[in-house]
Amino acid sequence: MNKQTYNLFIILVLIISILGGCGQDTKDISVNEEETEQGETENTEASEKKEETEAKLGSRSNPVPFKKTATVDDELYNDEGEAFPIKFDLTVVEVERGDAAYKKINFYE
């Protein structure tokens, strides 16, 4: 197996693992709205109806907006299988695709 095939295989395994971990069982996620303008007003009736029909925030069909901080409440398991509640903030600030991303992957070759 040549080196490029091996690297591709490793990348595919990582991607499948990540996507498998991102199932539809989304935990409680909230978005910090402090960054929005104060002059924004919303029609509460329309937003309530919209919330009922939309998927849960943070799922594949309703992702957290780009450059917004999402606070995630989840559980962390130790080796004995005991669950511990955790809370972390996550913000996507940059996305790279194509050749630029491939160059970063192959940087250590």
Protein backbone atom coordinates (compact mmCIF):
# COMPACT_ATOMS: atom_id res chain seq x y z
CA MET A 1 0.00 0.00 0.00
CA ASN A 2 1.59 3.29 -1.04
CA LYS A 3 1.74 6.32 1.23
CA GLN A 4 -1.06 8.32 -0.49
CA THR A 5 -3.46 5.39 -0.29
CA TYR A 6 -2.59 4.89 3.35
CA ASN A 7 -3.16 8.60 4.13
CA LEU A 8 -6.47 8.57 2.27
CA PHE A 9 -7.56 5.50 4.22
CA ILE A 10 -6.68 7.12 7.55
CA ILE A 11 -8.53 10.32 6.61
CA LEU A 12 -11.63 8.38 5.57
CA VAL A 13 -11.63 6.42 8.83
CA LEU A 14 -11.37 9.67 10.81
CA ILE A 15 -14.19 11.30 8.83
CA ILE A 16 -16.46 8.29 9.26
CA SER A 17 -15.71 8.23 12.99
CA ILE A 18 -16.49 11.93 13.36
CA LEU A 19 -19.71 11.71 11.35
CA GLY A 20 -20.75 8.63 13.30
CA GLY A 21 -20.26 10.55 16.53
CA CYS A 22 -22.39 13.42 15.20
CA GLY A 23 -25.60 11.44 15.11
CA GLN A 24 -29.07 12.86 15.46
CA ASP A 25 -28.95 12.45 19.26
CA THR A 26 -27.95 16.08 19.70
CA LYS A 27 -27.41 17.23 23.27
CA ASP A 28 -28.68 20.52 24.69
CA ILE A 29 -27.11 23.37 22.75
CA SER A 30 -27.64 27.09 23.22
CA VAL A 31 -26.24 30.03 21.28
CA ASN A 32 -24.96 33.21 22.91
CA GLU A 33 -26.92 36.03 21.25
CA GLU A 34 -24.99 38.91 22.85
CA GLU A 35 -23.24 39.63 19.55
CA THR A 36 -26.49 40.57 17.77
CA GLU A 37 -27.60 44.17 17.41
CA GLN A 38 -29.80 45.61 20.15
CA GLY A 39 -32.25 47.06 17.64
CA GLU A 40 -33.34 43.64 16.41
CA THR A 41 -36.96 42.77 17.06
CA GLU A 42 -38.78 39.60 16.15
CA ASN A 43 -42.39 38.69 15.80
CA THR A 44 -42.84 36.24 18.69
CA GLU A 45 -45.76 34.36 17.12
CA ALA A 46 -43.87 33.73 13.88
CA SER A 47 -40.71 32.67 15.71
CA GLU A 48 -42.67 30.28 17.96
CA LYS A 49 -44.22 28.57 14.94
CA LYS A 50 -40.84 28.44 13.22
CA GLU A 51 -39.24 26.81 16.29
CA GLU A 52 -41.89 24.08 16.31
CA THR A 53 -41.18 23.08 12.70
CA GLU A 54 -37.37 23.39 12.74
CA ALA A 55 -35.05 20.64 13.88
CA LYS A 56 -33.17 20.93 17.15
CA LEU A 57 -30.40 23.57 17.16
CA GLY A 58 -27.00 22.04 16.52
CA SER A 59 -28.26 19.16 14.39
CA ARG A 60 -27.28 18.59 10.77
CA SER A 61 -30.52 20.07 9.50
CA ASN A 62 -30.29 23.11 11.84
CA PRO A 63 -26.60 23.88 12.46
CA VAL A 64 -25.34 26.60 14.77
CA PRO A 65 -24.63 29.79 12.75
CA PHE A 66 -21.04 30.39 11.66
CA LYS A 67 -18.95 32.46 14.13
CA LYS A 68 -21.57 32.10 16.88
CA THR A 69 -20.60 30.50 20.17
CA ALA A 70 -22.56 27.37 21.04
CA THR A 71 -22.69 26.16 24.63
CA VAL A 72 -23.03 22.39 24.77
CA ASP A 73 -24.21 20.41 27.80
CA ASP A 74 -23.07 16.80 27.46
CA GLU A 75 -21.75 13.84 29.42
CA LEU A 76 -18.23 12.47 29.67
CA TYR A 77 -17.67 8.80 30.56
CA ASN A 78 -14.73 7.35 32.46
CA ASP A 79 -13.29 3.84 32.03
CA GLU A 80 -15.82 2.36 34.44
CA GLY A 81 -18.76 3.76 32.44
CA GLU A 82 -19.70 6.43 34.97
CA ALA A 83 -21.12 9.60 33.40
CA PHE A 84 -20.03 13.09 34.42
CA PRO A 85 -21.86 16.21 33.21
CA ILE A 86 -19.70 18.64 31.22
CA LYS A 87 -20.32 22.01 29.62
CA PHE A 88 -18.17 23.58 26.90
CA ASP A 89 -18.26 26.51 24.47
CA LEU A 90 -17.54 25.91 20.80
CA THR A 91 -17.06 28.51 18.04
CA VAL A 92 -16.17 27.78 14.40
CA VAL A 93 -14.06 30.73 13.29
CA GLU A 94 -12.49 29.38 10.10
CA VAL A 95 -13.25 26.73 7.48
CA GLU A 96 -10.73 25.58 4.91
CA ARG A 97 -11.58 23.41 1.94
CA GLY A 98 -9.92 22.05 -1.15
CA ASP A 99 -6.20 22.43 -1.82
CA ALA A 100 -5.56 24.63 1.23
CA ALA A 101 -6.98 21.96 3.56
CA TYR A 102 -5.13 19.19 1.72
CA LYS A 103 -1.84 21.07 2.11
CA LYS A 104 -2.41 21.30 5.88
CA ILE A 105 -3.09 17.57 6.05
CA ASN A 106 0.09 16.77 4.12
CA PHE A 107 2.22 19.30 6.00
CA TYR A 108 3.96 16.62 8.07
CA GLU A 109 4.96 14.37 5.17
